[in-house]
C-alpha atoms as a PDB file:
ATOM      1  CA  MET A   1       0.055   0.070   0.036  1.00  0.00           C
ATOM      2  CA  PHE A   2       2.741   2.270   0.904  1.00  0.00           C
ATOM      3  CA  VAL A   3       4.274   1.783  -2.570  1.00  0.00           C
ATOM      4  CA  LEU A   4       1.022   2.651  -4.245  1.00  0.00           C
ATOM      5  CA  THR A   5       0.608   5.763  -2.353  1.00  0.00           C
ATOM      6  CA  LEU A   6       4.518   6.792  -3.165  1.00  0.00           C
ATOM      7  CA  VAL A   7       3.754   5.964  -7.047  1.00  0.00           C
ATOM      8  CA  VAL A   8       0.294   8.253  -7.051  1.00  0.00           C
ATOM      9  CA  SER A   9       2.279  10.933  -5.206  1.00  0.00           C
ATOM     10  CA  ALA A  10       5.050  10.947  -7.724  1.00  0.00           C
ATOM     11  CA  LEU A  11       2.707  10.829 -10.360  1.00  0.00           C
ATOM     12  CA  LEU A  12       0.703  13.887  -8.992  1.00  0.00           C
ATOM     13  CA  ALA A  13       3.907  15.880  -8.476  1.00  0.00           C
ATOM     14  CA  GLY A  14       4.935  15.139 -12.205  1.00  0.00           C
ATOM     15  CA  ALA A  15       1.484  16.219 -13.258  1.00  0.00           C
ATOM     16  CA  VAL A  16       1.746  19.785 -11.376  1.00  0.00           C
ATOM     17  CA  VAL A  17       5.298  20.341 -12.584  1.00  0.00           C
ATOM     18  CA  ALA A  18       4.205  19.789 -16.187  1.00  0.00           C
ATOM     19  CA  THR A  19       1.170  22.032 -15.965  1.00  0.00           C
ATOM     20  CA  ALA A  20       3.377  24.630 -14.526  1.00  0.00           C
ATOM     21  CA  ASP A  21       6.021  24.216 -17.291  1.00  0.00           C
ATOM     22  CA  GLN A  22       3.185  24.581 -20.030  1.00  0.00           C
ATOM     23  CA  ARG A  23       1.943  27.683 -18.159  1.00  0.00           C
ATOM     24  CA  ARG A  24       5.210  29.475 -18.238  1.00  0.00           C
ATOM     25  CA  THR A  25       5.886  28.312 -21.740  1.00  0.00           C
ATOM     26  CA  HIS A  26       2.627  29.907 -22.918  1.00  0.00           C
ATOM     27  CA  ALA A  27       3.168  32.990 -21.008  1.00  0.00           C
ATOM     28  CA  VAL A  28       6.625  33.428 -22.716  1.00  0.00           C
ATOM     29  CA  GLN A  29       4.901  32.695 -26.249  1.00  0.00           C
ATOM     30  CA  ILE A  30       2.537  35.369 -25.579  1.00  0.00           C
ATOM     31  CA  ASN A  31       5.153  37.889 -24.248  1.00  0.00           C
ATOM     32  CA  ALA A  32       7.264  37.237 -27.602  1.00  0.00           C
ATOM     33  CA  GLU A  33       3.984  37.826 -29.604  1.00  0.00           C
ATOM     34  CA  LEU A  34       3.082  41.048 -27.859  1.00  0.00           C
ATOM     35  CA  ARG A  35       6.746  42.373 -28.365  1.00  0.00           C
ATOM     36  CA  GLN A  36       6.870  41.540 -32.184  1.00  0.00           C
ATOM     37  CA  LEU A  37       3.648  43.292 -32.623  1.00  0.00           C
ATOM     38  CA  LEU A  38       4.965  46.377 -30.800  1.00  0.00           C
ATOM     39  CA  LEU A  39       7.877  46.273 -33.029  1.00  0.00           C
ATOM     40  CA  ALA A  40       5.253  45.990 -36.118  1.00  0.00           C
ATOM     41  CA  GLY A  41       3.515  48.976 -34.802  1.00  0.00           C
ATOM     42  CA  ALA A  42       6.395  50.803 -34.459  1.00  0.00           C
ATOM     43  CA  GLN A  43       7.558  50.154 -37.994  1.00  0.00           C
ATOM     44  CA  ASP A  44       4.045  51.175 -39.098  1.00  0.00           C
ATOM     45  CA  VAL A  45       4.603  54.395 -37.215  1.00  0.00           C
ATOM     46  CA  SER A  46       7.758  55.314 -38.699  1.00  0.00           C
ATOM     47  CA  GLN A  47       6.790  54.468 -42.179  1.00  0.00           C
ATOM     48  CA  ARG A  48       3.949  57.221 -41.709  1.00  0.00           C
ATOM     49  CA  ALA A  49       6.147  59.486 -39.741  1.00  0.00           C
ATOM     50  CA  SER A  50       8.045  60.350 -42.970  1.00  0.00           C
ATOM     51  CA  ARG A  51       4.901  61.481 -44.622  1.00  0.00           C
ATOM     52  CA  TRP A  52       3.603  63.662 -41.719  1.00  0.00           C
ATOM     53  CA  SER A  53       3.865  67.525 -42.543  1.00  0.00           C
ATOM     54  CA  SER A  54       5.642  69.996 -40.046  1.00  0.00           C
ATOM     55  CA  ALA A  55       2.195  69.984 -37.961  1.00  0.00           C
ATOM     56  CA  ALA A  56       1.259  66.437 -37.466  1.00  0.00           C
ATOM     57  CA  GLN A  57      -2.455  65.845 -36.869  1.00  0.00           C
ATOM     58  CA  PRO A  58      -4.202  63.497 -34.388  1.00  0.00           C
ATOM     59  CA  GLU A  59      -4.862  60.105 -35.964  1.00  0.00           C
ATOM     60  CA  LYS A  60      -5.975  56.761 -34.985  1.00  0.00           C
ATOM     61  CA  TRP A  61      -5.661  53.423 -36.944  1.00  0.00           C
ATOM     62  CA  SER A  62      -5.398  49.623 -36.544  1.00  0.00           C
ATOM     63  CA  VAL A  63      -2.448  47.761 -38.219  1.00  0.00           C
ATOM     64  CA  ALA A  64      -3.404  44.907 -40.640  1.00  0.00           C
ATOM     65  CA  LEU A  65      -2.220  41.765 -39.009  1.00  0.00           C
ATOM     66  CA  PRO A  66      -1.756  38.216 -40.705  1.00  0.00           C
ATOM     67  CA  PRO A  67      -4.530  35.698 -40.648  1.00  0.00           C
ATOM     68  CA  GLU A  68      -2.597  33.351 -38.235  1.00  0.00           C
ATOM     69  CA  LEU A  69      -2.779  36.255 -35.457  1.00  0.00           C
ATOM     70  CA  SER A  70      -7.020  36.263 -35.540  1.00  0.00           C
ATOM     71  CA  GLY A  71      -6.871  36.795 -31.861  1.00  0.00           C
ATOM     72  CA  ALA A  72      -4.684  39.472 -31.848  1.00  0.00           C
ATOM     73  CA  SER A  73      -4.798  43.418 -32.433  1.00  0.00           C
ATOM     74  CA  LEU A  74      -2.620  46.357 -32.863  1.00  0.00           C
ATOM     75  CA  LEU A  75      -3.744  49.766 -32.627  1.00  0.00           C
ATOM     76  CA  VAL A  76      -1.972  53.121 -32.905  1.00  0.00           C
ATOM     77  CA  ASP A  77      -3.051  56.446 -31.534  1.00  0.00           C
ATOM     78  CA  ILE A  78      -1.047  59.731 -32.700  1.00  0.00           C
ATOM     79  CA  ALA A  79      -1.424  62.995 -30.301  1.00  0.00           C
ATOM     80  CA  PRO A  80       0.664  66.015 -31.228  1.00  0.00           C
ATOM     81  CA  ALA A  81       1.737  67.755 -27.904  1.00  0.00           C
ATOM     82  CA  PRO A  82       1.944  71.462 -27.025  1.00  0.00           C
ATOM     83  CA  ASP A  83       5.741  71.132 -27.098  1.00  0.00           C
ATOM     84  CA  GLY A  84       5.947  70.165 -30.703  1.00  0.00           C
ATOM     85  CA  THR A  85       6.357  66.632 -30.041  1.00  0.00           C
ATOM     86  CA  VAL A  86       4.069  63.890 -31.375  1.00  0.00           C
ATOM     87  CA  ALA A  87       3.220  60.836 -29.007  1.00  0.00           C
ATOM     88  CA  ALA A  88       2.385  57.679 -30.960  1.00  0.00           C
ATOM     89  CA  VAL A  89       0.987  55.302 -28.360  1.00  0.00           C
ATOM     90  CA  ILE A  90       0.756  51.560 -29.747  1.00  0.00           C
ATOM     91  CA  GLY A  91      -1.458  49.042 -28.213  1.00  0.00           C
ATOM     92  CA  ALA A  92      -0.975  45.377 -28.759  1.00  0.00           C
ATOM     93  CA  LYS A  93      -3.431  42.670 -27.411  1.00  0.00           C
ATOM     94  CA  VAL A  94      -2.851  38.731 -27.714  1.00  0.00           C
ATOM     95  CA  GLY A  95      -5.651  36.710 -26.303  1.00  0.00           C
ATOM     96  CA  LEU A  96      -6.336  38.492 -22.843  1.00  0.00           C
ATOM     97  CA  GLN A  97      -2.833  40.117 -22.552  1.00  0.00           C
ATOM     98  CA  ASN A  98      -1.943  43.675 -23.527  1.00  0.00           C
ATOM     99  CA  ALA A  99       1.033  45.350 -23.892  1.00  0.00           C
ATOM    100  CA  GLU A 100       1.699  49.140 -24.790  1.00  0.00           C
ATOM    101  CA  GLN A 101       4.572  51.129 -26.216  1.00  0.00           C
ATOM    102  CA  GLU A 102       4.678  55.053 -26.448  1.00  0.00           C
ATOM    103  CA  LEU A 103       7.143  56.569 -29.367  1.00  0.00           C
ATOM    104  CA  ILE A 104       8.071  60.365 -29.053  1.00  0.00           C
ATOM    105  CA  TYR A 105       8.913  61.960 -32.103  1.00  0.00           C
ATOM    106  CA  ARG A 106      10.487  65.328 -32.585  1.00  0.00           C
ATOM    107  CA  ARG A 107      10.835  67.425 -35.711  1.00  0.00           C
ATOM    108  CA  ALA A 108      14.538  67.713 -36.843  1.00  0.00           C
ATOM    109  CA  GLY A 109      14.732  69.975 -39.995  1.00  0.00           C
ATOM    110  CA  GLU A 110      12.384  68.346 -42.341  1.00  0.00           C
ATOM    111  CA  SER A 111      11.684  65.228 -40.788  1.00  0.00           C
ATOM    112  CA  TRP A 112      10.597  63.595 -37.669  1.00  0.00           C
ATOM    113  CA  ARG A 113      13.062  61.814 -35.544  1.00  0.00           C
ATOM    114  CA  LEU A 114      12.253  59.314 -32.702  1.00  0.00           C
ATOM    115  CA  GLN A 115      13.297  60.760 -29.804  1.00  0.00           C
ATOM    116  CA  ARG A 116      12.213  58.388 -26.847  1.00  0.00           C
ATOM    117  CA  VAL A 117      10.630  55.029 -26.572  1.00  0.00           C
ATOM    118  CA  ALA A 118       8.796  53.738 -23.507  1.00  0.00           C
ATOM    119  CA  ALA A 119       7.452  50.058 -23.517  1.00  0.00           C
ATOM    120  CA  ARG A 120       4.761  48.600 -20.793  1.00  0.00           C
ATOM    121  CA  ILE A 121       4.926  45.057 -21.336  1.00  0.00           C
ATOM    122  CA  PRO A 122       3.429  42.736 -18.416  1.00  0.00           C
END
């Protein structure tokens, strides 16, 4: 009887460890997808910034994603600030997880230059 109890305990412990490992692996995968989405959003903003006039206007858009990411979304919100900078807030969502990144652009001659980046990833 003792041996049976020991075997059952070992099997339960193994199942708990496997479940925890699976959750960690899933969380790492979601974080990687969120980071990739934020990079894609930053690239999209950078391309659009090259077409902004000297007085950028407030604007919002959704970045198109491939069909493989059907449960994900990527939104961008552009807001000019009184100090002449432009803040681009990029919001990424995969399933129930969210991440956000703020890009600050400043006018440099005839173009907009990225001045600062702040990311908030869980």
